[in-house]
PDB file of N, CA and C in Angstrom:
ATOM      1  N   UNK A   1      71.388   5.053  25.741  1.00  0.00           N
ATOM      2  CA  UNK A   1      70.171   4.417  26.491  1.00  0.00           C
ATOM      3  C   UNK A   1      70.320   2.790  26.522  1.00  0.00           C
ATOM      4  N   UNK A   2      71.053   2.040  25.645  1.00  0.00           N
ATOM      5  CA  UNK A   2      71.279   0.988  25.951  1.00  0.00           C
ATOM      6  C   UNK A   2      72.506   0.622  27.017  1.00  0.00           C
ATOM      7  N   UNK A   3      73.501   1.487  26.974  1.00  0.00           N
ATOM      8  CA  UNK A   3      74.334   1.464  28.111  1.00  0.00           C
ATOM      9  C   UNK A   3      73.521   1.836  29.542  1.00  0.00           C
ATOM     10  N   UNK A   4      72.893   2.406  29.420  1.00  0.00           N
ATOM     11  CA  UNK A   4      72.199   2.866  30.918  1.00  0.00           C
ATOM     12  C   UNK A   4      71.516   1.741  31.547  1.00  0.00           C
ATOM     13  N   UNK A   5      70.757   1.092  30.522  1.00  0.00           N
ATOM     14  CA  UNK A   5      69.827  -0.249  30.863  1.00  0.00           C
ATOM     15  C   UNK A   5      70.822  -1.316  31.215  1.00  0.00           C
ATOM     16  N   UNK A   6      72.030  -1.476  30.522  1.00  0.00           N
ATOM     17  CA  UNK A   6      72.691  -2.297  30.848  1.00  0.00           C
ATOM     18  C   UNK A   6      73.453  -2.127  32.143  1.00  0.00           C
ATOM     19  N   UNK A   7      73.815  -1.213  32.427  1.00  0.00           N
ATOM     20  CA  UNK A   7      74.245  -0.666  33.989  1.00  0.00           C
ATOM     21  C   UNK A   7      73.117  -1.033  34.894  1.00  0.00           C
ATOM     22  N   UNK A   8      72.131  -0.518  34.464  1.00  0.00           N
ATOM     23  CA  UNK A   8      71.089  -0.854  35.705  1.00  0.00           C
ATOM     24  C   UNK A   8      70.411  -1.996  36.109  1.00  0.00           C
ATOM     25  N   UNK A   9      70.697  -2.711  35.005  1.00  0.00           N
ATOM     26  CA  UNK A   9      70.491  -4.471  35.134  1.00  0.00           C
ATOM     27  C   UNK A   9      71.494  -5.098  35.404  1.00  0.00           C
ATOM     28  N   UNK A  10      72.757  -4.611  35.489  1.00  0.00           N
ATOM     29  CA  UNK A  10      73.998  -5.357  36.055  1.00  0.00           C
ATOM     30  C   UNK A  10      73.878  -5.088  37.596  1.00  0.00           C
ATOM     31  N   UNK A  11      73.534  -3.923  38.113  1.00  0.00           N
ATOM     32  CA  UNK A  11      73.414  -3.626  39.208  1.00  0.00           C
ATOM     33  C   UNK A  11      72.051  -4.276  40.060  1.00  0.00           C
ATOM     34  N   UNK A  12      71.163  -4.478  39.516  1.00  0.00           N
ATOM     35  CA  UNK A  12      70.038  -4.918  39.991  1.00  0.00           C
ATOM     36  C   UNK A  12      69.503  -6.138  39.483  1.00  0.00           C
ATOM     37  N   UNK A  13      70.252  -7.111  39.105  1.00  0.00           N
ATOM     38  CA  UNK A  13      70.012  -8.406  38.323  1.00  0.00           C
ATOM     39  C   UNK A  13      69.412  -9.404  39.146  1.00  0.00           C
ATOM     40  N   UNK A  14      69.394  -9.469  40.389  1.00  0.00           N
ATOM     41  CA  UNK A  14      68.541 -10.372  41.169  1.00  0.00           C
ATOM     42  C   UNK A  14      67.016  -9.827  41.385  1.00  0.00           C
ATOM     43  N   UNK A  15      66.956  -8.489  41.331  1.00  0.00           N
ATOM     44  CA  UNK A  15      65.533  -7.995  41.415  1.00  0.00           C
ATOM     45  C   UNK A  15      65.079  -8.243  40.077  1.00  0.00           C
ATOM     46  N   UNK A  16      65.639  -8.098  38.996  1.00  0.00           N
ATOM     47  CA  UNK A  16      65.200  -8.107  37.808  1.00  0.00           C
ATOM     48  C   UNK A  16      64.578  -9.469  37.464  1.00  0.00           C
ATOM     49  N   UNK A  17      65.474 -10.515  37.705  1.00  0.00           N
ATOM     50  CA  UNK A  17      64.956 -11.970  37.808  1.00  0.00           C
ATOM     51  C   UNK A  17      63.802 -12.375  38.597  1.00  0.00           C
ATOM     52  N   UNK A  18      63.951 -11.725  39.867  1.00  0.00           N
ATOM     53  CA  UNK A  18      62.588 -12.095  40.987  1.00  0.00           C
ATOM     54  C   UNK A  18      61.627 -11.407  40.297  1.00  0.00           C
ATOM     55  N   UNK A  19      61.420 -10.315  39.691  1.00  0.00           N
ATOM     56  CA  UNK A  19      60.470  -9.389  39.314  1.00  0.00           C
ATOM     57  C   UNK A  19      59.666 -10.409  38.013  1.00  0.00           C
ATOM     58  N   UNK A  20      60.602 -10.737  37.155  1.00  0.00           N
ATOM     59  CA  UNK A  20      59.934 -11.852  36.310  1.00  0.00           C
ATOM     60  C   UNK A  20      59.454 -13.253  36.818  1.00  0.00           C
ATOM     61  N   UNK A  21      60.120 -13.605  37.632  1.00  0.00           N
ATOM     62  CA  UNK A  21      59.459 -15.002  38.388  1.00  0.00           C
ATOM     63  C   UNK A  21      58.068 -14.544  38.882  1.00  0.00           C
ATOM     64  N   UNK A  22      57.952 -13.556  39.787  1.00  0.00           N
ATOM     65  CA  UNK A  22      56.890 -13.071  40.356  1.00  0.00           C
ATOM     66  C   UNK A  22      55.716 -12.820  39.342  1.00  0.00           C
ATOM     67  N   UNK A  23      55.814 -12.104  38.494  1.00  0.00           N
ATOM     68  CA  UNK A  23      55.112 -11.861  37.485  1.00  0.00           C
ATOM     69  C   UNK A  23      54.524 -12.953  36.661  1.00  0.00           C
ATOM     70  N   UNK A  24      55.491 -13.949  36.431  1.00  0.00           N
ATOM     71  CA  UNK A  24      55.008 -15.365  35.789  1.00  0.00           C
ATOM     72  C   UNK A  24      53.949 -15.813  36.660  1.00  0.00           C
ATOM     73  N   UNK A  25      54.206 -16.143  38.028  1.00  0.00           N
ATOM     74  CA  UNK A  25      53.657 -16.678  39.012  1.00  0.00           C
ATOM     75  C   UNK A  25      52.471 -16.019  39.408  1.00  0.00           C
ATOM     76  N   UNK A  26      52.265 -14.612  38.997  1.00  0.00           N
ATOM     77  CA  UNK A  26      50.899 -14.091  39.335  1.00  0.00           C
ATOM     78  C   UNK A  26      50.017 -14.613  37.938  1.00  0.00           C
ATOM     79  N   UNK A  27      50.665 -14.232  36.809  1.00  0.00           N
ATOM     80  CA  UNK A  27      49.958 -14.773  35.682  1.00  0.00           C
ATOM     81  C   UNK A  27      49.265 -16.242  35.776  1.00  0.00           C
ATOM     82  N   UNK A  28      50.066 -17.204  36.217  1.00  0.00           N
ATOM     83  CA  UNK A  28      49.538 -18.671  36.395  1.00  0.00           C
ATOM     84  C   UNK A  28      48.475 -18.602  37.431  1.00  0.00           C
ATOM     85  N   UNK A  29      48.687 -18.160  38.610  1.00  0.00           N
ATOM     86  CA  UNK A  29      47.754 -18.291  39.678  1.00  0.00           C
ATOM     87  C   UNK A  29      46.219 -17.633  39.221  1.00  0.00           C
ATOM     88  N   UNK A  30      46.705 -16.433  38.402  1.00  0.00           N
ATOM     89  CA  UNK A  30      45.361 -15.723  37.885  1.00  0.00           C
ATOM     90  C   UNK A  30      44.669 -16.738  37.064  1.00  0.00           C
ATOM     91  N   UNK A  31      45.367 -17.341  36.128  1.00  0.00           N
ATOM     92  CA  UNK A  31      44.734 -18.100  35.266  1.00  0.00           C
ATOM     93  C   UNK A  31      43.954 -19.046  35.420  1.00  0.00           C
ATOM     94  N   UNK A  32      44.625 -19.875  36.463  1.00  0.00           N
ATOM     95  CA  UNK A  32      43.990 -21.129  37.450  1.00  0.00           C
ATOM     96  C   UNK A  32      42.744 -20.672  37.942  1.00  0.00           C
ATOM     97  N   UNK A  33      42.760 -19.627  38.704  1.00  0.00           N
ATOM     98  CA  UNK A  33      41.920 -19.114  39.454  1.00  0.00           C
ATOM     99  C   UNK A  33      40.637 -18.890  38.667  1.00  0.00           C
ATOM    100  N   UNK A  34      40.778 -18.215  37.548  1.00  0.00           N
ATOM    101  CA  UNK A  34      40.153 -17.421  36.747  1.00  0.00           C
ATOM    102  C   UNK A  34      39.105 -18.967  35.874  1.00  0.00           C
ATOM    103  N   UNK A  35      39.873 -19.699  35.480  1.00  0.00           N
ATOM    104  CA  UNK A  35      39.162 -20.812  34.904  1.00  0.00           C
ATOM    105  C   UNK A  35      38.447 -21.791  36.061  1.00  0.00           C
ATOM    106  N   UNK A  36      38.907 -21.771  37.367  1.00  0.00           N
ATOM    107  CA  UNK A  36      38.197 -22.385  38.167  1.00  0.00           C
ATOM    108  C   UNK A  36      36.835 -21.723  38.557  1.00  0.00           C
ATOM    109  N   UNK A  37      36.968 -20.275  38.700  1.00  0.00           N
ATOM    110  CA  UNK A  37      35.685 -19.759  38.965  1.00  0.00           C
ATOM    111  C   UNK A  37      34.625 -19.470  37.663  1.00  0.00           C
ATOM    112  N   UNK A  38      35.239 -19.353  36.509  1.00  0.00           N
ATOM    113  CA  UNK A  38      34.235 -19.606  35.620  1.00  0.00           C
ATOM    114  C   UNK A  38      33.505 -20.954  35.331  1.00  0.00           C
ATOM    115  N   UNK A  39      34.277 -21.931  35.729  1.00  0.00           N
ATOM    116  CA  UNK A  39      33.536 -23.394  35.531  1.00  0.00           C
ATOM    117  C   UNK A  39      32.505 -23.448  37.026  1.00  0.00           C
ATOM    118  N   UNK A  40      32.461 -23.085  37.827  1.00  0.00           N
ATOM    119  CA  UNK A  40      31.817 -22.911  38.988  1.00  0.00           C
ATOM    120  C   UNK A  40      30.605 -22.008  38.478  1.00  0.00           C
ATOM    121  N   UNK A  41      30.928 -21.197  37.896  1.00  0.00           N
ATOM    122  CA  UNK A  41      29.585 -20.353  37.423  1.00  0.00           C
ATOM    123  C   UNK A  41      28.780 -20.850  36.615  1.00  0.00           C
ATOM    124  N   UNK A  42      29.477 -21.507  35.582  1.00  0.00           N
ATOM    125  CA  UNK A  42      28.872 -22.297  34.647  1.00  0.00           C
ATOM    126  C   UNK A  42      27.971 -23.623  35.074  1.00  0.00           C
ATOM    127  N   UNK A  43      28.721 -24.248  36.049  1.00  0.00           N
ATOM    128  CA  UNK A  43      28.249 -25.421  36.480  1.00  0.00           C
ATOM    129  C   UNK A  43      27.095 -25.077  37.694  1.00  0.00           C
ATOM    130  N   UNK A  44      27.597 -24.332  38.561  1.00  0.00           N
ATOM    131  CA  UNK A  44      26.078 -23.815  39.554  1.00  0.00           C
ATOM    132  C   UNK A  44      25.517 -22.876  39.207  1.00  0.00           C
ATOM    133  N   UNK A  45      25.680 -21.778  38.283  1.00  0.00           N
ATOM    134  CA  UNK A  45      24.559 -20.758  38.073  1.00  0.00           C
ATOM    135  C   UNK A  45      23.825 -21.189  36.962  1.00  0.00           C
ATOM    136  N   UNK A  46      24.803 -21.268  35.876  1.00  0.00           N
ATOM    137  CA  UNK A  46      23.924 -21.571  34.679  1.00  0.00           C
ATOM    138  C   UNK A  46      23.386 -22.582  34.170  1.00  0.00           C
ATOM    139  N   UNK A  47      23.926 -23.771  34.688  1.00  0.00           N
ATOM    140  CA  UNK A  47      23.612 -25.309  34.754  1.00  0.00           C
ATOM    141  C   UNK A  47      22.260 -25.431  35.345  1.00  0.00           C
ATOM    142  N   UNK A  48      21.926 -24.857  36.646  1.00  0.00           N
ATOM    143  CA  UNK A  48      21.003 -24.664  37.597  1.00  0.00           C
ATOM    144  C   UNK A  48      19.784 -23.754  37.547  1.00  0.00           C
ATOM    145  N   UNK A  49      20.442 -22.935  36.563  1.00  0.00           N
ATOM    146  CA  UNK A  49      19.674 -21.420  36.113  1.00  0.00           C
ATOM    147  C   UNK A  49      19.532 -20.923  37.562  1.00  0.00           C
ATOM    148  N   UNK A  50      20.379 -20.611  38.280  1.00  0.00           N
ATOM    149  CA  UNK A  50      20.699 -19.882  39.366  1.00  0.00           C
ATOM    150  C   UNK A  50      21.093 -18.426  39.252  1.00  0.00           C
ATOM    151  N   UNK A  51      20.234 -17.178  38.916  1.00  0.00           N
ATOM    152  CA  UNK A  51      20.729 -16.099  38.673  1.00  0.00           C
ATOM    153  C   UNK A  51      21.483 -15.448  39.877  1.00  0.00           C
ATOM    154  N   UNK A  52      20.946 -15.697  41.033  1.00  0.00           N
ATOM    155  CA  UNK A  52      21.515 -15.294  42.332  1.00  0.00           C
ATOM    156  C   UNK A  52      23.177 -15.745  42.356  1.00  0.00           C
ATOM    157  N   UNK A  53      23.369 -16.981  42.086  1.00  0.00           N
ATOM    158  CA  UNK A  53      24.567 -17.259  42.075  1.00  0.00           C
ATOM    159  C   UNK A  53      25.569 -16.762  41.158  1.00  0.00           C
ATOM    160  N   UNK A  54      25.089 -16.756  39.885  1.00  0.00           N
ATOM    161  CA  UNK A  54      25.738 -15.963  38.722  1.00  0.00           C
ATOM    162  C   UNK A  54      26.176 -14.381  39.115  1.00  0.00           C
ATOM    163  N   UNK A  55      25.175 -13.598  39.726  1.00  0.00           N
ATOM    164  CA  UNK A  55      25.331 -12.440  40.090  1.00  0.00           C
ATOM    165  C   UNK A  55      26.445 -12.198  41.331  1.00  0.00           C
ATOM    166  N   UNK A  56      26.295 -13.000  42.368  1.00  0.00           N
ATOM    167  CA  UNK A  56      27.031 -12.844  43.423  1.00  0.00           C
ATOM    168  C   UNK A  56      28.345 -13.584  43.416  1.00  0.00           C
ATOM    169  N   UNK A  57      28.710 -14.384  42.357  1.00  0.00           N
ATOM    170  CA  UNK A  57      30.099 -14.813  42.243  1.00  0.00           C
ATOM    171  C   UNK A  57      31.350 -13.917  41.625  1.00  0.00           C
TER     172      UNK A  57
END
């Protein structure tokens, strides 16, 4: 099994590296976006007691 995986990774080394990079970028972007969205909900919705804003965001 290890040999098979080793051979696969050698043949597709660039794709494996690109996959890792893109997954890492996705996690970073989602984390930043989620924090920004939660900040907006807290500031604009909860802070102003605007239930419409909370529900529709």
